Amino acid sequence: MQLDEPTLQQITVDVCQSMLGLALTPISSDIDTAKQLVASVEIRGGRTAAVDVFAHEHLMAAIAETMFCAERSSLSAEEIRDAFGEIANMIGGNVKGAFGEESDLSLPTIGEANDSLNRLPHECLRTTFECCGHPLTIVLREADKKALPVELSAVV
């Protein structure tokens, strides 16, 4: 199956809104990622792709609060990172399923986004939502089977 932007949007809504109850509103994808983090998962099999989820640490904390039904003050930095990685994992798993081919999904990696969103090829699928007052951007990068360069500055 060839994924398009509406399908990527629907997958994101299904994960964030339907499963976690987070309200999402589509917004322009021209956002500054300087202070954001990225959680990435790779899909390897008949098709090779990566799903990158970009978010500010405040949104990561709001996601963790919702996922763990806890107040931010009671959550550790590791729990917040785990929740963020799980969002990437759930979206990536749904993308993998939409491909309809035998494939594997990597564990999520988390790092600083820096300017990586602006350096992605234009043929990537990209969708951005407002969630809890912050942008949430999902990018689907497809590549050949050799390698997908995911440039993460520092693992958080």
C-alpha atoms as a PDB file:
ATOM      1  CA  MET A   1       0.000   0.000   0.000  1.00  0.00           C
ATOM      2  CA  GLN A   2       1.215   3.475  -0.850  1.00  0.00           C
ATOM      3  CA  LEU A   3       0.757   5.804   2.104  1.00  0.00           C
ATOM      4  CA  ASP A   4      -0.352   9.379   1.567  1.00  0.00           C
ATOM      5  CA  GLU A   5      -0.658  12.362   3.899  1.00  0.00           C
ATOM      6  CA  PRO A   6      -4.330  11.757   4.793  1.00  0.00           C
ATOM      7  CA  THR A   7      -3.484   8.156   5.767  1.00  0.00           C
ATOM      8  CA  LEU A   8      -0.533   9.303   7.901  1.00  0.00           C
ATOM      9  CA  GLN A   9      -2.809  11.895   9.519  1.00  0.00           C
ATOM     10  CA  GLN A  10      -5.458   9.272  10.247  1.00  0.00           C
ATOM     11  CA  ILE A  11      -2.900   6.899  11.782  1.00  0.00           C
ATOM     12  CA  THR A  12      -1.669   9.729  14.033  1.00  0.00           C
ATOM     13  CA  VAL A  13      -5.214  10.660  15.050  1.00  0.00           C
ATOM     14  CA  ASP A  14      -6.033   7.008  15.755  1.00  0.00           C
ATOM     15  CA  VAL A  15      -3.013   6.662  18.040  1.00  0.00           C
ATOM     16  CA  CYS A  16      -3.102  10.025  19.825  1.00  0.00           C
ATOM     17  CA  GLN A  17      -6.764  10.929  19.857  1.00  0.00           C
ATOM     18  CA  SER A  18      -8.578   7.606  19.806  1.00  0.00           C
ATOM     19  CA  MET A  19      -6.197   5.612  22.024  1.00  0.00           C
ATOM     20  CA  LEU A  20      -4.979   8.358  24.386  1.00  0.00           C
ATOM     21  CA  GLY A  21      -7.710  10.994  24.190  1.00  0.00           C
ATOM     22  CA  LEU A  22      -5.305  13.748  23.102  1.00  0.00           C
ATOM     23  CA  ALA A  23      -6.955  16.451  20.985  1.00  0.00           C
ATOM     24  CA  LEU A  24      -5.199  17.051  17.652  1.00  0.00           C
ATOM     25  CA  THR A  25      -5.703  19.975  15.289  1.00  0.00           C
ATOM     26  CA  PRO A  26      -3.906  20.007  11.907  1.00  0.00           C
ATOM     27  CA  ILE A  27      -1.569  23.023  11.501  1.00  0.00           C
ATOM     28  CA  SER A  28       1.095  24.221   9.057  1.00  0.00           C
ATOM     29  CA  SER A  29       4.156  21.989   8.997  1.00  0.00           C
ATOM     30  CA  ASP A  30       6.559  24.955   8.832  1.00  0.00           C
ATOM     31  CA  ILE A  31       7.716  24.871  12.435  1.00  0.00           C
ATOM     32  CA  ASP A  32      11.001  25.485  14.207  1.00  0.00           C
ATOM     33  CA  THR A  33      12.479  22.260  15.536  1.00  0.00           C
ATOM     34  CA  ALA A  34      15.421  23.898  17.313  1.00  0.00           C
ATOM     35  CA  LYS A  35      14.076  23.069  20.772  1.00  0.00           C
ATOM     36  CA  GLN A  36      12.352  19.828  19.907  1.00  0.00           C
ATOM     37  CA  LEU A  37      13.215  16.191  20.354  1.00  0.00           C
ATOM     38  CA  VAL A  38      12.646  13.386  17.875  1.00  0.00           C
ATOM     39  CA  ALA A  39      11.658   9.779  18.480  1.00  0.00           C
ATOM     40  CA  SER A  40      12.342   7.500  15.514  1.00  0.00           C
ATOM     41  CA  VAL A  41      11.513   3.926  14.603  1.00  0.00           C
ATOM     42  CA  GLU A  42      12.650   2.056  11.511  1.00  0.00           C
ATOM     43  CA  ILE A  43      10.607  -0.374   9.454  1.00  0.00           C
ATOM     44  CA  ARG A  44      12.689  -2.990   7.646  1.00  0.00           C
ATOM     45  CA  GLY A  45      11.412  -5.678   5.336  1.00  0.00           C
ATOM     46  CA  GLY A  46       9.846  -5.556   1.897  1.00  0.00           C
ATOM     47  CA  ARG A  47       9.928  -1.781   2.293  1.00  0.00           C
ATOM     48  CA  THR A  48      12.404   0.231   4.308  1.00  0.00           C
ATOM     49  CA  ALA A  49      11.156   3.353   6.048  1.00  0.00           C
ATOM     50  CA  ALA A  50      11.468   5.433   9.189  1.00  0.00           C
ATOM     51  CA  VAL A  51       8.814   7.191  11.202  1.00  0.00           C
ATOM     52  CA  ASP A  52      10.034  10.304  13.033  1.00  0.00           C
ATOM     53  CA  VAL A  53       7.939  12.024  15.700  1.00  0.00           C
ATOM     54  CA  PHE A  54       9.000  15.575  16.589  1.00  0.00           C
ATOM     55  CA  ALA A  55       7.805  17.244  19.792  1.00  0.00           C
ATOM     56  CA  HIS A  56       8.833  19.760  22.440  1.00  0.00           C
ATOM     57  CA  GLU A  57       9.661  18.393  25.898  1.00  0.00           C
ATOM     58  CA  HIS A  58       6.486  20.023  27.293  1.00  0.00           C
ATOM     59  CA  LEU A  59       4.371  18.003  24.851  1.00  0.00           C
ATOM     60  CA  MET A  60       6.342  14.859  25.711  1.00  0.00           C
ATOM     61  CA  ALA A  61       5.475  15.445  29.373  1.00  0.00           C
ATOM     62  CA  ALA A  62       1.782  15.998  28.550  1.00  0.00           C
ATOM     63  CA  ILE A  63       1.756  12.739  26.565  1.00  0.00           C
ATOM     64  CA  ALA A  64       3.352  10.907  29.503  1.00  0.00           C
ATOM     65  CA  GLU A  65       0.830  12.409  31.944  1.00  0.00           C
ATOM     66  CA  THR A  66      -1.998  11.094  29.776  1.00  0.00           C
ATOM     67  CA  MET A  67      -0.405   7.712  29.087  1.00  0.00           C
ATOM     68  CA  PHE A  68       0.430   7.000  32.730  1.00  0.00           C
ATOM     69  CA  CYS A  69      -2.560   8.859  34.265  1.00  0.00           C
ATOM     70  CA  ALA A  70      -0.124  10.764  36.476  1.00  0.00           C
ATOM     71  CA  GLU A  71       0.898  14.330  37.252  1.00  0.00           C
ATOM     72  CA  ARG A  72       4.117  15.586  35.699  1.00  0.00           C
ATOM     73  CA  SER A  73       5.754  16.060  39.098  1.00  0.00           C
ATOM     74  CA  SER A  74       5.425  12.321  39.755  1.00  0.00           C
ATOM     75  CA  LEU A  75       6.992  11.270  36.420  1.00  0.00           C
ATOM     76  CA  SER A  76      10.690  10.628  35.942  1.00  0.00           C
ATOM     77  CA  ALA A  77      12.594  11.818  32.872  1.00  0.00           C
ATOM     78  CA  GLU A  78      12.847   8.158  31.821  1.00  0.00           C
ATOM     79  CA  GLU A  79       9.066   7.681  31.992  1.00  0.00           C
ATOM     80  CA  ILE A  80       8.557  10.800  29.869  1.00  0.00           C
ATOM     81  CA  ARG A  81      11.063   9.526  27.259  1.00  0.00           C
ATOM     82  CA  ASP A  82       9.422   6.078  27.335  1.00  0.00           C
ATOM     83  CA  ALA A  83       5.988   7.579  26.633  1.00  0.00           C
ATOM     84  CA  PHE A  84       7.388   9.635  23.755  1.00  0.00           C
ATOM     85  CA  GLY A  85       9.113   6.580  22.322  1.00  0.00           C
ATOM     86  CA  GLU A  86       5.901   4.594  22.674  1.00  0.00           C
ATOM     87  CA  ILE A  87       4.010   7.162  20.573  1.00  0.00           C
ATOM     88  CA  ALA A  88       6.619   6.697  17.805  1.00  0.00           C
ATOM     89  CA  ASN A  89       6.362   2.931  18.246  1.00  0.00           C
ATOM     90  CA  MET A  90       2.546   2.916  17.979  1.00  0.00           C
ATOM     91  CA  ILE A  91       2.488   5.205  14.930  1.00  0.00           C
ATOM     92  CA  GLY A  92       5.330   3.212  13.330  1.00  0.00           C
ATOM     93  CA  GLY A  93       3.519  -0.061  14.023  1.00  0.00           C
ATOM     94  CA  ASN A  94       0.390   1.241  12.312  1.00  0.00           C
ATOM     95  CA  VAL A  95       2.425   2.445   9.316  1.00  0.00           C
ATOM     96  CA  LYS A  96       4.102  -0.975   9.152  1.00  0.00           C
ATOM     97  CA  GLY A  97       0.669  -2.609   9.179  1.00  0.00           C
ATOM     98  CA  ALA A  98      -0.565  -0.288   6.431  1.00  0.00           C
ATOM     99  CA  PHE A  99       2.337  -1.396   4.220  1.00  0.00           C
ATOM    100  CA  GLY A 100       0.799  -4.869   4.266  1.00  0.00           C
ATOM    101  CA  GLU A 101       4.181  -6.581   3.917  1.00  0.00           C
ATOM    102  CA  GLU A 102       6.275  -8.722   6.231  1.00  0.00           C
ATOM    103  CA  SER A 103       8.620  -6.387   8.092  1.00  0.00           C
ATOM    104  CA  ASP A 104      10.225  -5.630  11.432  1.00  0.00           C
ATOM    105  CA  LEU A 105       9.954  -2.523  13.603  1.00  0.00           C
ATOM    106  CA  SER A 106      12.990  -1.250  15.510  1.00  0.00           C
ATOM    107  CA  LEU A 107      12.964  -0.015  19.054  1.00  0.00           C
ATOM    108  CA  PRO A 108      12.534   3.765  19.255  1.00  0.00           C
ATOM    109  CA  THR A 109      15.557   6.050  19.483  1.00  0.00           C
ATOM    110  CA  ILE A 110      15.235   9.513  20.992  1.00  0.00           C
ATOM    111  CA  GLY A 111      17.467  12.521  20.414  1.00  0.00           C
ATOM    112  CA  GLU A 112      17.573  16.251  19.814  1.00  0.00           C
ATOM    113  CA  ALA A 113      15.903  17.328  16.594  1.00  0.00           C
ATOM    114  CA  ASN A 114      18.049  20.424  16.023  1.00  0.00           C
ATOM    115  CA  ASP A 115      17.390  21.389  12.400  1.00  0.00           C
ATOM    116  CA  SER A 116      16.832  17.847  11.104  1.00  0.00           C
ATOM    117  CA  LEU A 117      13.205  18.464  10.090  1.00  0.00           C
ATOM    118  CA  ASN A 118      14.308  21.214   7.708  1.00  0.00           C
ATOM    119  CA  ARG A 119      16.983  18.960   6.163  1.00  0.00           C
ATOM    120  CA  LEU A 120      14.652  16.093   5.265  1.00  0.00           C
ATOM    121  CA  PRO A 121      14.030  15.381   1.565  1.00  0.00           C
ATOM    122  CA  HIS A 122      10.901  17.048   0.208  1.00  0.00           C
ATOM    123  CA  GLU A 123       9.433  13.711  -0.910  1.00  0.00           C
ATOM    124  CA  CYS A 124       8.917  12.659   2.717  1.00  0.00           C
ATOM    125  CA  LEU A 125       5.378  12.549   3.998  1.00  0.00           C
ATOM    126  CA  ARG A 126       4.942  15.113   6.749  1.00  0.00           C
ATOM    127  CA  THR A 127       1.988  16.103   8.863  1.00  0.00           C
ATOM    128  CA  THR A 128       1.797  18.467  11.823  1.00  0.00           C
ATOM    129  CA  PHE A 129      -0.818  18.878  14.525  1.00  0.00           C
ATOM    130  CA  GLU A 130      -1.287  21.142  17.516  1.00  0.00           C
ATOM    131  CA  CYS A 131      -1.499  18.966  20.610  1.00  0.00           C
ATOM    132  CA  CYS A 132      -1.676  20.312  24.176  1.00  0.00           C
ATOM    133  CA  GLY A 133      -0.589  23.742  22.914  1.00  0.00           C
ATOM    134  CA  HIS A 134       2.515  22.456  21.086  1.00  0.00           C
ATOM    135  CA  PRO A 135       3.291  21.180  17.579  1.00  0.00           C
ATOM    136  CA  LEU A 136       3.500  17.437  16.982  1.00  0.00           C
ATOM    137  CA  THR A 137       5.061  16.553  13.635  1.00  0.00           C
ATOM    138  CA  ILE A 138       5.096  13.088  12.101  1.00  0.00           C
ATOM    139  CA  VAL A 139       7.423  12.312   9.183  1.00  0.00           C
ATOM    140  CA  LEU A 140       7.500   9.142   7.095  1.00  0.00           C
ATOM    141  CA  ARG A 141      10.761   8.628   5.218  1.00  0.00           C
ATOM    142  CA  GLU A 142      11.020   5.758   2.768  1.00  0.00           C
ATOM    143  CA  ALA A 143      14.394   4.611   1.468  1.00  0.00           C
ATOM    144  CA  ASP A 144      16.140   1.732  -0.198  1.00  0.00           C
ATOM    145  CA  LYS A 145      17.086  -1.302   1.891  1.00  0.00           C
ATOM    146  CA  LYS A 146      20.666  -0.138   2.543  1.00  0.00           C
ATOM    147  CA  ALA A 147      20.264   2.359   5.346  1.00  0.00           C
ATOM    148  CA  LEU A 148      18.173   5.177   6.669  1.00  0.00           C
ATOM    149  CA  PRO A 149      20.357   7.909   8.122  1.00  0.00           C
ATOM    150  CA  VAL A 150      18.650   9.216  11.229  1.00  0.00           C
ATOM    151  CA  GLU A 151      20.699  12.097  12.545  1.00  0.00           C
ATOM    152  CA  LEU A 152      20.161  12.389  16.266  1.00  0.00           C
ATOM    153  CA  SER A 153      22.439  14.784  18.089  1.00  0.00           C
ATOM    154  CA  ALA A 154      22.385  13.321  21.527  1.00  0.00           C
ATOM    155  CA  VAL A 155      20.333  10.541  22.940  1.00  0.00           C
ATOM    156  CA  VAL A 156      18.242  11.953  25.732  1.00  0.00           C
END
